[in-house]
Amino acid sequence: MKTIDLRGMGCPEPTIIAFRYLGRLDVGEEAEFLMDSSECAYTTYKLINNTRIAIASIKEANRVYRISVIKIRSSHASLLHT
């Protein structure tokens, strides 16, 4: 699993970067995104889960938010079934 450090960036930049990275993952691949903005982290977490192409979980420790993601279907398949 690759960890992408998005701390220190203003929202919505971390969300955009996370979504671009998610689009490049293969089905079954995992990634972890680190953020220090609670608003941006929870927005990213909710949006990823709402896409139905990945499952995300979020944990916070010492004001660092870890969003763990596993891709469950391709981006193109999700767009065809909306």
Protein backbone atom coordinates (compact mmCIF):
# COMPACT_ATOMS: atom_id res chain seq x y z
CA MET A 1 0.00 0.00 0.00
CA LYS A 2 1.35 3.39 -0.94
CA THR A 3 0.97 6.35 1.41
CA ILE A 4 0.40 9.77 -0.14
CA ASP A 5 1.15 12.68 2.21
CA LEU A 6 -1.25 15.54 1.48
CA ARG A 7 -0.67 17.47 4.71
CA GLY A 8 -0.10 21.19 4.51
CA MET A 9 -2.26 21.68 1.43
CA GLY A 10 -5.38 23.81 1.33
CA CYS A 11 -8.68 22.25 0.43
CA PRO A 12 -9.78 21.18 -2.16
CA GLU A 13 -6.28 20.31 -3.47
CA PRO A 14 -5.87 17.12 -1.35
CA THR A 15 -9.29 15.86 -2.44
CA ILE A 16 -8.46 16.42 -6.11
CA ILE A 17 -5.09 14.69 -5.80
CA ALA A 18 -6.64 11.75 -3.92
CA PHE A 19 -9.29 11.27 -6.62
CA ARG A 20 -6.73 11.42 -9.41
CA TYR A 21 -4.60 8.85 -7.63
CA LEU A 22 -7.63 6.63 -6.97
CA GLY A 23 -8.42 6.67 -10.68
CA ARG A 24 -4.98 5.22 -11.46
CA LEU A 25 -5.29 2.31 -9.02
CA ASP A 26 -6.12 -1.18 -10.27
CA VAL A 27 -9.03 -3.07 -8.74
CA GLY A 28 -7.84 -4.59 -5.46
CA GLU A 29 -5.05 -2.05 -4.92
CA GLU A 30 -4.87 -0.08 -1.70
CA ALA A 31 -3.67 3.42 -0.86
CA GLU A 32 -3.55 5.67 2.16
CA PHE A 33 -3.91 9.45 2.14
CA LEU A 34 -2.65 11.64 4.99
CA MET A 35 -4.37 14.98 5.58
CA ASP A 36 -4.30 17.56 8.35
CA SER A 37 -7.59 19.31 7.55
CA SER A 38 -10.57 17.56 9.14
CA GLU A 39 -13.02 19.19 6.73
CA CYS A 40 -11.05 18.13 3.67
CA ALA A 41 -10.38 14.63 5.04
CA TYR A 42 -14.03 13.92 5.82
CA THR A 43 -15.16 15.38 2.50
CA THR A 44 -12.68 13.14 0.67
CA TYR A 45 -13.75 10.10 2.73
CA LYS A 46 -17.44 10.65 1.96
CA LEU A 47 -16.89 11.33 -1.73
CA ILE A 48 -14.74 8.22 -2.20
CA ASN A 49 -17.38 6.02 -0.58
CA ASN A 50 -20.15 7.67 -2.60
CA THR A 51 -18.40 6.87 -5.91
CA ARG A 52 -18.81 3.14 -5.23
CA ILE A 53 -15.46 2.45 -6.93
CA ALA A 54 -13.63 2.15 -3.60
CA ILE A 55 -14.18 1.58 0.08
CA ALA A 56 -12.61 4.11 2.41
CA SER A 57 -12.07 4.22 6.15
CA ILE A 58 -10.78 7.15 8.17
CA LYS A 59 -8.81 7.41 11.42
CA GLU A 60 -7.53 10.45 13.27
CA ALA A 61 -4.54 10.66 15.60
CA ASN A 62 -2.74 13.83 16.67
CA ARG A 63 -4.66 15.91 14.11
CA VAL A 64 -3.54 13.71 11.23
CA TYR A 65 -6.31 12.01 9.26
CA ARG A 66 -5.52 8.70 7.56
CA ILE A 67 -7.88 7.70 4.80
CA SER A 68 -7.32 4.07 3.82
CA VAL A 69 -8.79 3.07 0.47
CA ILE A 70 -9.21 -0.16 -1.46
CA LYS A 71 -10.43 0.02 -5.03
CA ILE A 72 -13.30 -2.41 -5.66
CA ARG A 73 -14.24 -1.66 -9.29
CA SER A 74 -13.00 0.29 -12.25
CA SER A 75 -13.94 3.93 -12.64
CA HIS A 76 -15.51 3.27 -16.04
CA ALA A 77 -17.82 0.53 -14.75
CA SER A 78 -19.07 2.83 -11.99
CA LEU A 79 -19.99 5.56 -14.48
CA LEU A 80 -22.01 3.11 -16.56
CA HIS A 81 -24.14 2.00 -13.60
CA THR A 82 -25.14 5.36 -12.09
